[in-house]
Protein backbone atom coordinates (compact mmCIF):
# COMPACT_ATOMS: atom_id res chain seq x y z
CA MET A 1 -16.55 13.86 -23.99
CA THR A 2 -19.30 11.64 -25.35
CA ASN A 3 -18.80 8.00 -24.40
CA THR A 4 -19.44 5.05 -26.71
CA LYS A 5 -22.83 4.22 -25.22
CA GLU A 6 -24.04 7.78 -25.79
CA GLN A 7 -22.75 7.67 -29.36
CA VAL A 8 -24.77 4.51 -30.05
CA LEU A 9 -27.89 6.11 -28.55
CA GLU A 10 -27.38 9.20 -30.71
CA MET A 11 -27.05 7.01 -33.81
CA ILE A 12 -30.33 5.28 -32.95
CA ALA A 13 -32.06 8.62 -32.35
CA ALA A 14 -30.76 9.96 -35.68
CA LYS A 15 -31.94 6.72 -37.36
CA ARG A 16 -28.49 6.02 -38.74
CA ILE A 17 -28.86 2.50 -37.36
CA SER A 18 -31.95 0.52 -36.46
CA ALA A 19 -33.11 0.02 -32.91
CA ASP A 20 -32.31 -3.70 -33.12
CA ASP A 21 -28.79 -3.03 -34.33
CA GLY A 22 -28.36 -0.45 -31.59
CA GLU A 23 -29.43 -2.92 -28.92
CA ALA A 24 -26.99 -5.48 -30.30
CA LEU A 25 -24.16 -2.94 -30.16
CA LEU A 26 -25.03 -1.97 -26.58
CA ALA A 27 -25.13 -5.63 -25.57
CA ALA A 28 -21.72 -6.17 -27.16
CA LEU A 29 -20.32 -3.15 -25.33
CA GLN A 30 -21.68 -4.48 -22.06
CA GLY A 31 -20.03 -7.81 -22.74
CA VAL A 32 -16.68 -6.10 -23.29
CA LYS A 33 -16.99 -4.18 -20.05
CA ARG A 34 -17.81 -7.38 -18.17
CA SER A 35 -14.63 -9.09 -19.29
CA LYS A 36 -12.72 -11.60 -17.22
CA TRP A 37 -10.45 -8.86 -15.92
CA ARG A 38 -13.49 -6.88 -14.83
CA MET A 39 -14.56 -9.86 -12.75
CA LEU A 40 -11.55 -9.31 -10.51
CA VAL A 41 -12.94 -5.99 -9.27
CA ASP A 42 -16.68 -6.33 -9.83
CA PRO A 43 -17.92 -9.94 -9.82
CA PHE A 44 -21.15 -9.25 -7.96
CA GLU A 45 -23.62 -9.05 -10.82
CA ARG A 46 -22.61 -12.58 -11.86
CA LEU A 47 -22.56 -14.10 -8.39
CA THR A 48 -25.74 -15.48 -6.84
CA ALA A 49 -26.50 -14.92 -3.17
CA MET A 50 -25.62 -18.55 -2.48
CA GLN A 51 -22.28 -18.26 -4.28
CA SER A 52 -21.27 -15.07 -2.52
CA GLY A 53 -22.41 -16.55 0.80
CA LEU A 54 -20.18 -19.56 0.15
CA VAL A 55 -17.27 -17.20 -0.50
CA ALA A 56 -18.03 -15.46 2.80
CA ALA A 57 -17.89 -18.82 4.59
CA ILE A 58 -14.56 -19.58 2.91
CA ALA A 59 -13.25 -16.16 3.95
CA ALA A 60 -14.25 -16.79 7.57
CA THR A 61 -12.56 -20.21 7.51
CA GLY A 62 -9.45 -18.66 6.00
CA GLY A 63 -9.34 -16.05 8.74
CA LEU A 64 -9.54 -18.76 11.42
CA LEU A 65 -6.75 -20.75 9.78
CA LEU A 66 -4.51 -17.69 9.49
CA SER A 67 -4.99 -16.99 13.21
CA ARG A 68 -2.83 -20.10 13.81
CA TRP A 69 -0.01 -18.10 12.21
CA GLY A 70 -0.59 -15.14 14.49
CA VAL A 71 -2.52 -13.16 11.86
CA ARG A 72 -5.34 -11.31 13.56
CA PHE A 73 -8.16 -9.46 11.79
CA ASP A 74 -8.89 -7.24 14.78
CA GLY A 75 -11.40 -4.84 13.27
CA ALA A 76 -13.82 -4.52 10.43
CA PHE A 77 -11.00 -4.05 7.92
CA ASP A 78 -7.85 -4.39 10.05
CA LEU A 79 -5.04 -6.91 10.01
CA HIS A 80 -2.13 -7.28 12.44
CA LEU A 81 0.63 -9.83 12.92
CA LEU A 82 1.14 -11.09 16.49
CA PRO A 83 4.17 -12.88 17.95
CA GLY A 84 2.16 -16.02 18.73
CA THR A 85 -1.06 -17.70 17.70
CA VAL A 86 -4.40 -15.99 18.30
CA SER A 87 -6.67 -17.68 20.84
CA LEU A 88 -9.64 -19.50 19.37
CA GLY A 89 -12.09 -17.25 21.22
CA SER A 90 -10.45 -14.10 19.87
CA ALA A 91 -10.29 -15.55 16.36
CA LEU A 92 -14.01 -16.41 16.42
CA ALA A 93 -14.87 -12.95 17.74
CA ASP A 94 -12.74 -11.38 15.02
CA GLU A 95 -14.64 -13.24 12.31
CA VAL A 96 -18.00 -12.12 13.70
CA VAL A 97 -16.74 -8.54 13.69
CA ALA A 98 -15.13 -8.83 10.24
CA LEU A 99 -18.18 -10.26 8.43
CA PRO A 100 -21.70 -9.72 9.88
CA LEU A 101 -20.90 -6.38 11.51
CA PRO A 102 -19.59 -4.55 8.40
CA ALA A 103 -22.38 -6.12 6.38
CA ALA A 104 -24.94 -4.76 8.85
CA ALA A 105 -23.34 -1.29 8.84
CA LEU A 106 -23.31 -1.12 5.03
CA TRP A 107 -26.86 -2.50 4.83
CA LEU A 108 -28.11 0.21 7.20
CA ALA A 109 -26.20 2.89 5.26
CA GLY A 110 -27.83 1.79 2.02
CA PHE A 111 -31.26 1.18 3.52
CA ALA A 112 -31.32 4.66 5.00
CA VAL A 113 -31.30 6.08 1.46
CA VAL A 114 -33.25 3.66 -0.73
CA ARG A 115 -35.23 1.53 1.79
CA ARG A 116 -34.31 -1.68 0.02
CA GLY A 117 -31.55 -4.27 -0.13
CA ARG A 118 -31.03 -7.71 1.35
CA PHE A 119 -28.64 -8.29 4.22
CA VAL A 120 -27.42 -11.52 2.63
CA ASP A 121 -26.18 -9.58 -0.41
CA TYR A 122 -24.14 -7.27 1.80
CA LEU A 123 -22.76 -10.23 3.72
CA GLY A 124 -21.64 -11.85 0.48
CA ALA A 125 -20.08 -8.60 -0.70
CA VAL A 126 -18.05 -8.26 2.50
CA GLY A 127 -16.96 -11.90 2.23
CA VAL A 128 -15.76 -11.52 -1.35
CA ALA A 129 -13.99 -8.25 -0.52
CA ARG A 130 -12.05 -9.99 2.26
CA LEU A 131 -10.28 -12.37 -0.11
CA PRO A 132 -7.44 -9.94 -0.96
CA LEU A 133 -6.96 -9.28 2.77
CA LEU A 134 -6.61 -13.01 3.33
CA LEU A 135 -3.88 -13.02 0.68
CA VAL A 136 -2.10 -10.21 2.52
CA GLY A 137 -2.50 -12.14 5.77
CA PHE A 138 -1.07 -15.27 4.17
CA VAL A 139 2.00 -13.37 2.96
CA ALA A 140 2.45 -11.70 6.36
CA GLY A 141 2.08 -14.98 8.24
CA SER A 142 4.54 -16.81 5.99
CA MET A 143 7.10 -14.03 6.53
CA ARG A 144 6.70 -13.81 10.30
CA GLY A 145 10.09 -15.40 10.96
CA VAL A 146 12.00 -12.90 8.79
CA LEU A 147 10.17 -9.65 9.61
CA PRO A 148 12.29 -7.41 11.86
CA VAL A 149 10.93 -6.40 15.26
CA ASP A 150 13.01 -3.23 15.58
CA PRO A 151 11.15 -0.29 13.91
CA VAL A 152 14.46 1.25 12.77
CA GLN A 153 15.49 -1.96 10.98
CA ALA A 154 11.99 -2.47 9.62
CA ALA A 155 12.13 0.76 7.64
CA ARG A 156 14.90 -0.61 5.42
CA ALA A 157 14.37 -4.35 5.61
CA PRO A 158 13.77 -6.12 2.26
CA SER A 159 11.11 -8.30 3.88
CA MET A 160 9.11 -5.21 4.86
CA ILE A 161 9.37 -3.88 1.31
CA VAL A 162 7.99 -7.15 -0.02
CA LEU A 163 5.19 -7.08 2.54
CA GLY A 164 4.38 -3.47 1.64
CA LEU A 165 4.27 -4.25 -2.07
CA THR A 166 1.75 -6.98 -1.26
CA SER A 167 -0.27 -5.12 1.35
CA VAL A 168 -0.98 -1.88 -0.50
CA PRO A 169 -2.46 -3.48 -3.65
CA GLY A 170 -4.38 -5.95 -1.46
CA ILE A 171 -5.94 -3.19 0.62
CA VAL A 172 -6.83 -1.16 -2.49
CA TRP A 173 -8.31 -4.27 -4.12
CA THR A 174 -10.41 -4.92 -1.01
CA GLY A 175 -11.71 -1.36 -1.05
CA VAL A 176 -12.68 -1.54 -4.73
CA LEU A 177 -14.44 -4.88 -4.27
CA LEU A 178 -16.27 -3.64 -1.20
CA PHE A 179 -17.49 -0.50 -2.94
CA ASN A 180 -18.68 -2.40 -6.00
CA GLY A 181 -20.39 -4.96 -3.78
CA PHE A 182 -22.12 -2.18 -1.86
CA LYS A 183 -23.20 -0.51 -5.10
CA THR A 184 -24.71 -3.74 -6.43
CA ALA A 185 -26.38 -4.77 -3.16
CA SER A 186 -27.92 -1.35 -2.53
CA GLY A 187 -28.79 -0.40 -6.12
CA LEU A 188 -27.95 3.20 -5.23
CA GLN A 189 -27.64 5.65 -8.11
CA ARG A 190 -27.02 8.73 -5.99
CA TRP A 191 -25.19 9.21 -2.70
CA LYS A 192 -23.53 5.79 -3.04
CA GLY A 193 -20.08 7.19 -2.28
CA THR A 194 -21.28 9.05 0.81
CA SER A 195 -23.38 6.13 2.06
CA PHE A 196 -20.50 3.73 1.51
CA ALA A 197 -18.07 5.94 3.42
CA VAL A 198 -20.50 6.29 6.33
CA GLY A 199 -21.01 2.52 6.47
CA VAL A 200 -17.27 1.80 6.45
CA VAL A 201 -16.49 4.36 9.17
CA VAL A 202 -19.33 3.14 11.39
CA ALA A 203 -18.27 -0.48 10.91
CA GLU A 204 -14.68 0.28 11.88
CA ILE A 205 -15.61 2.28 14.98
CA VAL A 206 -18.18 -0.22 16.23
CA SER A 207 -15.85 -3.15 15.58
CA LYS A 208 -13.15 -1.63 17.78
CA ILE A 209 -15.66 -1.02 20.55
CA VAL A 210 -17.05 -4.55 20.34
CA LEU A 211 -13.63 -6.21 20.37
CA ARG A 212 -12.49 -4.08 23.29
CA PHE A 213 -15.33 -5.29 25.49
């Protein structure tokens, strides 16, 4: 099926509209696509490196604060709820693993294909993508007193249902943000899905090894 952009280009080629009118239509279409709702899943083309870096710093601070609630981000993209608070040393190590390490893995995955891309852009992308996970961590931490410990009770507990309804969209949202951030930072036109998957898998494996030792 021919999309709207292709239809406009065909109209310009057939001289049914002028080139100037065609450019105006394409610009208007681009503006519609980049609506406010679109910003929720792909804000990276509008964010500067400084802005995304600031978001990454906020994400790291949020992770440290949530560790006081027993929320631990023990992996590149992992989150677990512990019975007590996380030690400051572990919380700091978790933030190093959750931000610079995935950014480095994704940067290498993109650089291996296109030989370009700035590390700071990947770092900002990872920081922005962590925001939904922080929301999930906040919900989990606030519910720590009512979440059942027994796995049998947990399967039917209303609190676990609420946590699941929050966690699944949050994880999906993080994945979408991370992919769009990788796509923008790398500028990849081909192999972006494969490169992204390789970067994510490498980041997760290396993060577990680093935190173990």
